[in-house]
Protein backbone atom coordinates (compact mmCIF):
# COMPACT_ATOMS: atom_id res chain seq x y z
CA UNK A 1 0.00 0.00 0.00
CA UNK A 2 2.86 2.33 -0.89
CA UNK A 3 2.07 6.03 -0.93
CA UNK A 4 -1.41 5.59 0.51
CA UNK A 5 -2.51 6.55 3.97
CA UNK A 6 -2.87 3.50 6.15
CA UNK A 7 -5.53 3.98 8.77
CA UNK A 8 -5.95 0.85 10.84
CA UNK A 9 -7.49 0.71 14.26
CA UNK A 10 -5.42 -1.49 16.54
CA UNK A 11 -7.45 -3.09 19.34
CA UNK A 12 -4.79 -2.31 21.95
CA UNK A 13 -4.23 1.29 20.87
CA UNK A 14 -6.38 4.41 20.77
CA UNK A 15 -6.88 6.18 17.46
CA UNK A 16 -5.73 5.61 13.90
CA UNK A 17 -2.30 4.46 12.76
CA UNK A 18 -0.68 6.53 10.03
CA UNK A 19 2.09 5.52 7.66
CA UNK A 20 5.44 6.21 9.33
CA UNK A 21 8.10 7.88 7.18
CA UNK A 22 11.78 8.67 7.59
CA UNK A 23 13.14 12.14 6.83
CA UNK A 24 14.39 10.82 3.48
CA UNK A 25 10.97 9.41 2.54
CA UNK A 26 9.18 12.62 3.51
CA UNK A 27 11.73 14.66 1.57
CA UNK A 28 11.18 12.47 -1.50
CA UNK A 29 7.41 12.97 -1.35
CA UNK A 30 7.76 16.73 -0.92
CA UNK A 31 10.64 16.91 -3.44
CA UNK A 32 13.00 18.73 -1.08
CA UNK A 33 16.40 17.73 0.33
CA UNK A 34 16.38 15.45 3.39
CA UNK A 35 18.66 17.95 5.14
CA UNK A 36 15.91 20.59 4.81
CA UNK A 37 13.38 18.23 6.43
CA UNK A 38 15.77 17.52 9.32
CA UNK A 39 16.48 21.26 9.76
CA UNK A 40 12.73 21.96 9.95
CA UNK A 41 12.45 19.56 12.94
CA UNK A 42 14.93 21.37 15.15
CA UNK A 43 13.72 23.13 18.27
CA UNK A 44 15.15 26.46 17.03
CA UNK A 45 12.67 26.38 14.14
CA UNK A 46 9.69 28.72 14.67
CA UNK A 47 7.15 26.14 13.42
CA UNK A 48 8.84 22.71 13.34
CA UNK A 49 7.46 19.85 11.28
CA UNK A 50 5.43 17.55 13.58
CA UNK A 51 7.56 14.50 14.23
CA UNK A 52 8.40 11.79 16.73
CA UNK A 53 11.91 11.18 18.02
CA UNK A 54 12.96 7.60 18.61
CA UNK A 55 16.37 8.15 20.15
CA UNK A 56 18.46 9.59 17.34
CA UNK A 57 15.86 8.67 14.71
CA UNK A 58 13.13 11.05 13.54
CA UNK A 59 9.86 9.75 12.10
CA UNK A 60 6.81 11.43 10.56
CA UNK A 61 3.16 10.31 10.53
CA UNK A 62 2.09 10.65 6.90
CA UNK A 63 -1.55 11.72 6.66
CA UNK A 64 -1.83 12.73 10.31
CA UNK A 65 -3.89 15.83 11.15
CA UNK A 66 -0.81 17.52 12.67
CA UNK A 67 1.34 17.07 9.57
CA UNK A 68 -1.54 18.08 7.30
CA UNK A 69 -2.15 21.29 9.29
CA UNK A 70 1.56 22.12 9.21
CA UNK A 71 1.55 21.66 5.42
CA UNK A 72 -1.51 23.91 5.04
CA UNK A 73 0.13 26.62 7.18
CA UNK A 74 3.20 26.47 4.97
CA UNK A 75 1.23 26.51 1.72
CA UNK A 76 -1.04 29.41 2.55
CA UNK A 77 0.92 31.29 5.17
CA UNK A 78 -0.31 32.42 8.55
CA UNK A 79 -1.63 35.75 7.24
CA UNK A 80 -4.23 34.15 4.99
CA UNK A 81 -5.46 31.72 7.68
CA UNK A 82 -6.08 34.44 10.28
PDB file of N, CA and C in Angstrom:
ATOM      1  N   UNK A   1       0.836  -1.180   0.000  1.00  0.00           N
ATOM      2  CA  UNK A   1       0.000   0.000   0.000  1.00  0.00           C
ATOM      3  C   UNK A   1       0.883   1.247   0.000  1.00  0.00           C
ATOM      4  N   UNK A   2       1.894   1.247  -0.842  1.00  0.00           N
ATOM      5  CA  UNK A   2       2.863   2.334  -0.892  1.00  0.00           C
ATOM      6  C   UNK A   2       2.208   3.636  -1.310  1.00  0.00           C
ATOM      7  N   UNK A   3       2.560   4.711  -0.586  1.00  0.00           N
ATOM      8  CA  UNK A   3       2.074   6.027  -0.933  1.00  0.00           C
ATOM      9  C   UNK A   3       0.666   6.335  -0.457  1.00  0.00           C
ATOM     10  N   UNK A   4      -0.040   5.360   0.048  1.00  0.00           N
ATOM     11  CA  UNK A   4      -1.409   5.588   0.512  1.00  0.00           C
ATOM     12  C   UNK A   4      -1.428   5.666   2.026  1.00  0.00           C
ATOM     13  N   UNK A   5      -2.366   6.423   2.524  1.00  0.00           N
ATOM     14  CA  UNK A   5      -2.513   6.548   3.968  1.00  0.00           C
ATOM     15  C   UNK A   5      -3.060   5.240   4.511  1.00  0.00           C
ATOM     16  N   UNK A   6      -2.398   4.720   5.523  1.00  0.00           N
ATOM     17  CA  UNK A   6      -2.873   3.503   6.150  1.00  0.00           C
ATOM     18  C   UNK A   6      -3.546   3.894   7.455  1.00  0.00           C
ATOM     19  N   UNK A   7      -4.794   3.621   7.577  1.00  0.00           N
ATOM     20  CA  UNK A   7      -5.531   3.981   8.775  1.00  0.00           C
ATOM     21  C   UNK A   7      -6.168   2.719   9.320  1.00  0.00           C
ATOM     22  N   UNK A   8      -5.466   2.080  10.236  1.00  0.00           N
ATOM     23  CA  UNK A   8      -5.946   0.854  10.843  1.00  0.00           C
ATOM     24  C   UNK A   8      -6.177   1.107  12.323  1.00  0.00           C
ATOM     25  N   UNK A   9      -7.233   0.603  12.831  1.00  0.00           N
ATOM     26  CA  UNK A   9      -7.490   0.710  14.259  1.00  0.00           C
ATOM     27  C   UNK A   9      -6.941  -0.553  14.910  1.00  0.00           C
ATOM     28  N   UNK A  10      -5.994  -0.363  15.801  1.00  0.00           N
ATOM     29  CA  UNK A  10      -5.419  -1.486  16.539  1.00  0.00           C
ATOM     30  C   UNK A  10      -6.205  -1.658  17.830  1.00  0.00           C
ATOM     31  N   UNK A  11      -6.628  -2.880  18.151  1.00  0.00           N
ATOM     32  CA  UNK A  11      -7.447  -3.094  19.339  1.00  0.00           C
ATOM     33  C   UNK A  11      -6.790  -2.602  20.626  1.00  0.00           C
ATOM     34  N   UNK A  12      -5.472  -2.700  20.729  1.00  0.00           N
ATOM     35  CA  UNK A  12      -4.786  -2.306  21.950  1.00  0.00           C
ATOM     36  C   UNK A  12      -4.379  -0.848  21.987  1.00  0.00           C
ATOM     37  N   UNK A  13      -4.666  -0.104  20.932  1.00  0.00           N
ATOM     38  CA  UNK A  13      -4.231   1.290  20.869  1.00  0.00           C
ATOM     39  C   UNK A  13      -5.427   2.188  20.591  1.00  0.00           C
ATOM     40  N   UNK A  14      -5.324   3.429  21.035  1.00  0.00           N
ATOM     41  CA  UNK A  14      -6.381   4.412  20.767  1.00  0.00           C
ATOM     42  C   UNK A  14      -6.063   5.169  19.488  1.00  0.00           C
ATOM     43  N   UNK A  15      -7.044   5.340  18.637  1.00  0.00           N
ATOM     44  CA  UNK A  15      -6.884   6.179  17.455  1.00  0.00           C
ATOM     45  C   UNK A  15      -6.318   5.456  16.259  1.00  0.00           C
ATOM     46  N   UNK A  16      -6.204   6.191  15.140  1.00  0.00           N
ATOM     47  CA  UNK A  16      -5.726   5.605  13.897  1.00  0.00           C
ATOM     48  C   UNK A  16      -4.206   5.475  13.868  1.00  0.00           C
ATOM     49  N   UNK A  17      -3.729   4.619  13.002  1.00  0.00           N
ATOM     50  CA  UNK A  17      -2.298   4.459  12.763  1.00  0.00           C
ATOM     51  C   UNK A  17      -2.004   5.027  11.388  1.00  0.00           C
ATOM     52  N   UNK A  18      -1.041   5.918  11.295  1.00  0.00           N
ATOM     53  CA  UNK A  18      -0.675   6.532  10.033  1.00  0.00           C
ATOM     54  C   UNK A  18       0.641   5.954   9.553  1.00  0.00           C
ATOM     55  N   UNK A  19       0.845   6.007   8.251  1.00  0.00           N
ATOM     56  CA  UNK A  19       2.088   5.518   7.664  1.00  0.00           C
ATOM     57  C   UNK A  19       3.257   6.298   8.256  1.00  0.00           C
ATOM     58  N   UNK A  20       4.281   5.590   8.696  1.00  0.00           N
ATOM     59  CA  UNK A  20       5.444   6.206   9.328  1.00  0.00           C
ATOM     60  C   UNK A  20       6.547   6.355   8.287  1.00  0.00           C
ATOM     61  N   UNK A  21       7.063   7.584   8.165  1.00  0.00           N
ATOM     62  CA  UNK A  21       8.096   7.880   7.177  1.00  0.00           C
ATOM     63  C   UNK A  21       9.376   8.346   7.844  1.00  0.00           C
ATOM     64  N   UNK A  22      10.493   8.092   7.185  1.00  0.00           N
ATOM     65  CA  UNK A  22      11.776   8.667   7.588  1.00  0.00           C
ATOM     66  C   UNK A  22      11.887  10.065   6.990  1.00  0.00           C
ATOM     67  N   UNK A  23      12.905  10.799   7.391  1.00  0.00           N
ATOM     68  CA  UNK A  23      13.139  12.135   6.826  1.00  0.00           C
ATOM     69  C   UNK A  23      13.395  12.035   5.322  1.00  0.00           C
ATOM     70  N   UNK A  24      14.093  11.005   4.898  1.00  0.00           N
ATOM     71  CA  UNK A  24      14.386  10.823   3.485  1.00  0.00           C
ATOM     72  C   UNK A  24      13.110  10.546   2.684  1.00  0.00           C
ATOM     73  N   UNK A  25      12.225   9.726   3.234  1.00  0.00           N
ATOM     74  CA  UNK A  25      10.971   9.408   2.542  1.00  0.00           C
ATOM     75  C   UNK A  25      10.060  10.628   2.449  1.00  0.00           C
ATOM     76  N   UNK A  26       9.984  11.400   3.532  1.00  0.00           N
ATOM     77  CA  UNK A  26       9.176  12.621   3.514  1.00  0.00           C
ATOM     78  C   UNK A  26       9.752  13.610   2.509  1.00  0.00           C
ATOM     79  N   UNK A  27      11.063  13.756   2.503  1.00  0.00           N
ATOM     80  CA  UNK A  27      11.727  14.657   1.566  1.00  0.00           C
ATOM     81  C   UNK A  27      11.445  14.250   0.125  1.00  0.00           C
ATOM     82  N   UNK A  28      11.455  12.962  -0.139  1.00  0.00           N
ATOM     83  CA  UNK A  28      11.181  12.474  -1.495  1.00  0.00           C
ATOM     84  C   UNK A  28       9.755  12.826  -1.922  1.00  0.00           C
ATOM     85  N   UNK A  29       8.801  12.657  -1.023  1.00  0.00           N
ATOM     86  CA  UNK A  29       7.405  12.971  -1.350  1.00  0.00           C
ATOM     87  C   UNK A  29       7.192  14.463  -1.574  1.00  0.00           C
ATOM     88  N   UNK A  30       7.897  15.276  -0.793  1.00  0.00           N
ATOM     89  CA  UNK A  30       7.756  16.728  -0.924  1.00  0.00           C
ATOM     90  C   UNK A  30       8.736  17.316  -1.937  1.00  0.00           C
ATOM     91  N   UNK A  31       9.631  16.488  -2.457  1.00  0.00           N
ATOM     92  CA  UNK A  31      10.639  16.913  -3.442  1.00  0.00           C
ATOM     93  C   UNK A  31      11.526  18.039  -2.905  1.00  0.00           C
ATOM     94  N   UNK A  32      12.048  17.809  -1.705  1.00  0.00           N
ATOM     95  CA  UNK A  32      12.999  18.726  -1.077  1.00  0.00           C
ATOM     96  C   UNK A  32      14.160  17.880  -0.548  1.00  0.00           C
ATOM     97  N   UNK A  33      15.292  18.494  -0.236  1.00  0.00           N
ATOM     98  CA  UNK A  33      16.401  17.729   0.331  1.00  0.00           C
ATOM     99  C   UNK A  33      16.073  17.200   1.735  1.00  0.00           C
ATOM    100  N   UNK A  34      16.583  16.034   2.058  1.00  0.00           N
ATOM    101  CA  UNK A  34      16.375  15.448   3.386  1.00  0.00           C
ATOM    102  C   UNK A  34      16.979  16.341   4.469  1.00  0.00           C
ATOM    103  N   UNK A  35      18.048  17.044   4.151  1.00  0.00           N
ATOM    104  CA  UNK A  35      18.659  17.953   5.135  1.00  0.00           C
ATOM    105  C   UNK A  35      17.694  19.079   5.502  1.00  0.00           C
ATOM    106  N   UNK A  36      16.897  19.540   4.532  1.00  0.00           N
ATOM    107  CA  UNK A  36      15.905  20.589   4.807  1.00  0.00           C
ATOM    108  C   UNK A  36      14.847  20.059   5.770  1.00  0.00           C
ATOM    109  N   UNK A  37      14.385  18.832   5.545  1.00  0.00           N
ATOM    110  CA  UNK A  37      13.377  18.227   6.431  1.00  0.00           C
ATOM    111  C   UNK A  37      13.935  18.134   7.842  1.00  0.00           C
ATOM    112  N   UNK A  38      15.168  17.645   7.979  1.00  0.00           N
ATOM    113  CA  UNK A  38      15.765  17.522   9.320  1.00  0.00           C
ATOM    114  C   UNK A  38      15.931  18.891   9.981  1.00  0.00           C
ATOM    115  N   UNK A  39      16.335  19.898   9.212  1.00  0.00           N
ATOM    116  CA  UNK A  39      16.477  21.257   9.761  1.00  0.00           C
ATOM    117  C   UNK A  39      15.143  21.798  10.265  1.00  0.00           C
ATOM    118  N   UNK A  40      14.053  21.469   9.574  1.00  0.00           N
ATOM    119  CA  UNK A  40      12.728  21.958   9.955  1.00  0.00           C
ATOM    120  C   UNK A  40      12.168  21.249  11.185  1.00  0.00           C
ATOM    121  N   UNK A  41      12.883  20.274  11.727  1.00  0.00           N
ATOM    122  CA  UNK A  41      12.453  19.561  12.941  1.00  0.00           C
ATOM    123  C   UNK A  41      13.153  20.081  14.190  1.00  0.00           C
ATOM    124  N   UNK A  42      14.137  20.899  14.003  1.00  0.00           N
ATOM    125  CA  UNK A  42      14.927  21.367  15.145  1.00  0.00           C
ATOM    126  C   UNK A  42      14.122  22.307  16.031  1.00  0.00           C
ATOM    127  N   UNK A  43      14.459  22.315  17.300  1.00  0.00           N
ATOM    128  CA  UNK A  43      13.717  23.129  18.268  1.00  0.00           C
ATOM    129  C   UNK A  43      13.875  24.623  17.993  1.00  0.00           C
ATOM    130  N   UNK A  44      14.949  25.031  17.328  1.00  0.00           N
ATOM    131  CA  UNK A  44      15.147  26.458  17.031  1.00  0.00           C
ATOM    132  C   UNK A  44      14.238  26.953  15.905  1.00  0.00           C
ATOM    133  N   UNK A  45      13.587  26.030  15.229  1.00  0.00           N
ATOM    134  CA  UNK A  45      12.673  26.384  14.143  1.00  0.00           C
ATOM    135  C   UNK A  45      11.389  26.973  14.737  1.00  0.00           C
ATOM    136  N   UNK A  46      10.882  28.045  14.143  1.00  0.00           N
ATOM    137  CA  UNK A  46       9.688  28.723  14.665  1.00  0.00           C
ATOM    138  C   UNK A  46       8.448  27.819  14.621  1.00  0.00           C
ATOM    139  N   UNK A  47       8.310  27.023  13.580  1.00  0.00           N
ATOM    140  CA  UNK A  47       7.153  26.138  13.421  1.00  0.00           C
ATOM    141  C   UNK A  47       7.670  24.794  12.904  1.00  0.00           C
ATOM    142  N   UNK A  48       8.228  23.964  13.802  1.00  0.00           N
ATOM    143  CA  UNK A  48       8.835  22.712  13.341  1.00  0.00           C
ATOM    144  C   UNK A  48       7.818  21.726  12.765  1.00  0.00           C
ATOM    145  N   UNK A  49       8.287  20.906  11.838  1.00  0.00           N
ATOM    146  CA  UNK A  49       7.459  19.846  11.275  1.00  0.00           C
ATOM    147  C   UNK A  49       7.092  18.889  12.406  1.00  0.00           C
ATOM    148  N   UNK A  50       5.817  18.518  12.543  1.00  0.00           N
ATOM    149  CA  UNK A  50       5.430  17.550  13.577  1.00  0.00           C
ATOM    150  C   UNK A  50       6.142  16.215  13.333  1.00  0.00           C
ATOM    151  N   UNK A  51       6.783  15.720  14.370  1.00  0.00           N
ATOM    152  CA  UNK A  51       7.558  14.497  14.233  1.00  0.00           C
ATOM    153  C   UNK A  51       7.635  13.775  15.568  1.00  0.00           C
ATOM    154  N   UNK A  52       8.161  12.578  15.532  1.00  0.00           N
ATOM    155  CA  UNK A  52       8.401  11.792  16.735  1.00  0.00           C
ATOM    156  C   UNK A  52       9.863  11.391  16.748  1.00  0.00           C
ATOM    157  N   UNK A  53      10.514  11.594  17.874  1.00  0.00           N
ATOM    158  CA  UNK A  53      11.910  11.180  18.019  1.00  0.00           C
ATOM    159  C   UNK A  53      11.955   9.807  18.685  1.00  0.00           C
ATOM    160  N   UNK A  54      12.705   8.930  18.065  1.00  0.00           N
ATOM    161  CA  UNK A  54      12.958   7.597  18.612  1.00  0.00           C
ATOM    162  C   UNK A  54      14.461   7.500  18.815  1.00  0.00           C
ATOM    163  N   UNK A  55      14.925   8.043  19.939  1.00  0.00           N
ATOM    164  CA  UNK A  55      16.367   8.146  20.147  1.00  0.00           C
ATOM    165  C   UNK A  55      16.927   9.140  19.156  1.00  0.00           C
ATOM    166  N   UNK A  56      17.870   8.696  18.349  1.00  0.00           N
ATOM    167  CA  UNK A  56      18.456   9.594  17.339  1.00  0.00           C
ATOM    168  C   UNK A  56      17.679   9.602  16.030  1.00  0.00           C
ATOM    169  N   UNK A  57      16.657   8.776  15.933  1.00  0.00           N
ATOM    170  CA  UNK A  57      15.861   8.673  14.710  1.00  0.00           C
ATOM    171  C   UNK A  57      14.639   9.597  14.777  1.00  0.00           C
ATOM    172  N   UNK A  58      14.293  10.170  13.639  1.00  0.00           N
ATOM    173  CA  UNK A  58      13.125  11.051  13.544  1.00  0.00           C
ATOM    174  C   UNK A  58      12.157  10.407  12.567  1.00  0.00           C
ATOM    175  N   UNK A  59      10.888  10.343  12.966  1.00  0.00           N
ATOM    176  CA  UNK A  59       9.860   9.747  12.103  1.00  0.00           C
ATOM    177  C   UNK A  59       8.668  10.692  11.993  1.00  0.00           C
ATOM    178  N   UNK A  60       7.941  10.563  10.879  1.00  0.00           N
ATOM    179  CA  UNK A  60       6.812  11.428  10.563  1.00  0.00           C
ATOM    180  C   UNK A  60       5.585  10.575  10.299  1.00  0.00           C
ATOM    181  N   UNK A  61       4.425  11.030  10.741  1.00  0.00           N
ATOM    182  CA  UNK A  61       3.163  10.312  10.535  1.00  0.00           C
ATOM    183  C   UNK A  61       2.477  10.878   9.297  1.00  0.00           C
ATOM    184  N   UNK A  62       2.646  10.196   8.169  1.00  0.00           N
ATOM    185  CA  UNK A  62       2.086  10.646   6.896  1.00  0.00           C
ATOM    186  C   UNK A  62       0.562  10.569   6.940  1.00  0.00           C
ATOM    187  N   UNK A  63      -0.090  11.670   6.655  1.00  0.00           N
ATOM    188  CA  UNK A  63      -1.546  11.721   6.664  1.00  0.00           C
ATOM    189  C   UNK A  63      -2.141  12.108   8.001  1.00  0.00           C
ATOM    190  N   UNK A  64      -1.311  12.339   8.998  1.00  0.00           N
ATOM    191  CA  UNK A  64      -1.828  12.728  10.313  1.00  0.00           C
ATOM    192  C   UNK A  64      -2.373  14.149  10.263  1.00  0.00           C
ATOM    193  N   UNK A  65      -3.338  14.461  11.118  1.00  0.00           N
ATOM    194  CA  UNK A  65      -3.886  15.830  11.146  1.00  0.00           C
ATOM    195  C   UNK A  65      -2.814  16.882  11.445  1.00  0.00           C
ATOM    196  N   UNK A  66      -1.857  16.554  12.304  1.00  0.00           N
ATOM    197  CA  UNK A  66      -0.810  17.518  12.671  1.00  0.00           C
ATOM    198  C   UNK A  66       0.072  17.860  11.471  1.00  0.00           C
ATOM    199  N   UNK A  67       0.490  16.833  10.729  1.00  0.00           N
ATOM    200  CA  UNK A  67       1.340  17.069   9.567  1.00  0.00           C
ATOM    201  C   UNK A  67       0.552  17.788   8.466  1.00  0.00           C
ATOM    202  N   UNK A  68      -0.693  17.430   8.303  1.00  0.00           N
ATOM    203  CA  UNK A  68      -1.544  18.078   7.304  1.00  0.00           C
ATOM    204  C   UNK A  68      -1.727  19.563   7.631  1.00  0.00           C
ATOM    205  N   UNK A  69      -1.988  19.897   8.894  1.00  0.00           N
ATOM    206  CA  UNK A  69      -2.151  21.294   9.291  1.00  0.00           C
ATOM    207  C   UNK A  69      -0.856  22.084   9.104  1.00  0.00           C
ATOM    208  N   UNK A  70       0.280  21.462   9.410  1.00  0.00           N
ATOM    209  CA  UNK A  70       1.565  22.120   9.205  1.00  0.00           C
ATOM    210  C   UNK A  70       1.738  22.447   7.729  1.00  0.00           C
ATOM    211  N   UNK A  71       1.418  21.473   6.867  1.00  0.00           N
ATOM    212  CA  UNK A  71       1.549  21.664   5.423  1.00  0.00           C
ATOM    213  C   UNK A  71       0.646  22.804   4.933  1.00  0.00           C
ATOM    214  N   UNK A  72      -0.571  22.851   5.420  1.00  0.00           N
ATOM    215  CA  UNK A  72      -1.508  23.913   5.041  1.00  0.00           C
ATOM    216  C   UNK A  72      -0.975  25.276   5.481  1.00  0.00           C
ATOM    217  N   UNK A  73      -0.452  25.348   6.710  1.00  0.00           N
ATOM    218  CA  UNK A  73       0.130  26.615   7.185  1.00  0.00           C
ATOM    219  C   UNK A  73       1.261  27.061   6.271  1.00  0.00           C
ATOM    220  N   UNK A  74       2.080  26.133   5.847  1.00  0.00           N
ATOM    221  CA  UNK A  74       3.204  26.466   4.975  1.00  0.00           C
ATOM    222  C   UNK A  74       2.742  26.854   3.579  1.00  0.00           C
ATOM    223  N   UNK A  75       1.721  26.214   3.075  1.00  0.00           N
ATOM    224  CA  UNK A  75       1.234  26.514   1.725  1.00  0.00           C
ATOM    225  C   UNK A  75       0.590  27.890   1.651  1.00  0.00           C
ATOM    226  N   UNK A  76      -0.235  28.198   2.621  1.00  0.00           N
ATOM    227  CA  UNK A  76      -1.042  29.405   2.548  1.00  0.00           C
ATOM    228  C   UNK A  76      -0.532  30.541   3.419  1.00  0.00           C
ATOM    229  N   UNK A  77       0.373  30.252   4.296  1.00  0.00           N
ATOM    230  CA  UNK A  77       0.918  31.286   5.167  1.00  0.00           C
ATOM    231  C   UNK A  77      -0.038  31.625   6.285  1.00  0.00           C
ATOM    232  N   UNK A  78       0.492  32.109   7.362  1.00  0.00           N
ATOM    233  CA  UNK A  78      -0.312  32.419   8.548  1.00  0.00           C
ATOM    234  C   UNK A  78      -1.228  33.608   8.313  1.00  0.00           C
ATOM    235  N   UNK A  79      -0.831  34.539   7.475  1.00  0.00           N
ATOM    236  CA  UNK A  79      -1.628  35.747   7.239  1.00  0.00           C
ATOM    237  C   UNK A  79      -2.980  35.412   6.619  1.00  0.00           C
ATOM    238  N   UNK A  80      -2.996  34.484   5.681  1.00  0.00           N
ATOM    239  CA  UNK A  80      -4.233  34.149   4.991  1.00  0.00           C
ATOM    240  C   UNK A  80      -5.162  33.302   5.843  1.00  0.00           C
ATOM    241  N   UNK A  81      -4.630  32.568   6.830  1.00  0.00           N
ATOM    242  CA  UNK A  81      -5.461  31.723   7.679  1.00  0.00           C
ATOM    243  C   UNK A  81      -6.123  32.507   8.805  1.00  0.00           C
ATOM    244  N   UNK A  82      -5.566  33.660   9.156  1.00  0.00           N
ATOM    245  CA  UNK A  82      -6.082  34.437  10.281  1.00  0.00           C
ATOM    246  C   UNK A  82      -7.393  35.098   9.968  1.00  0.00           C
TER     247      UNK A  82
END
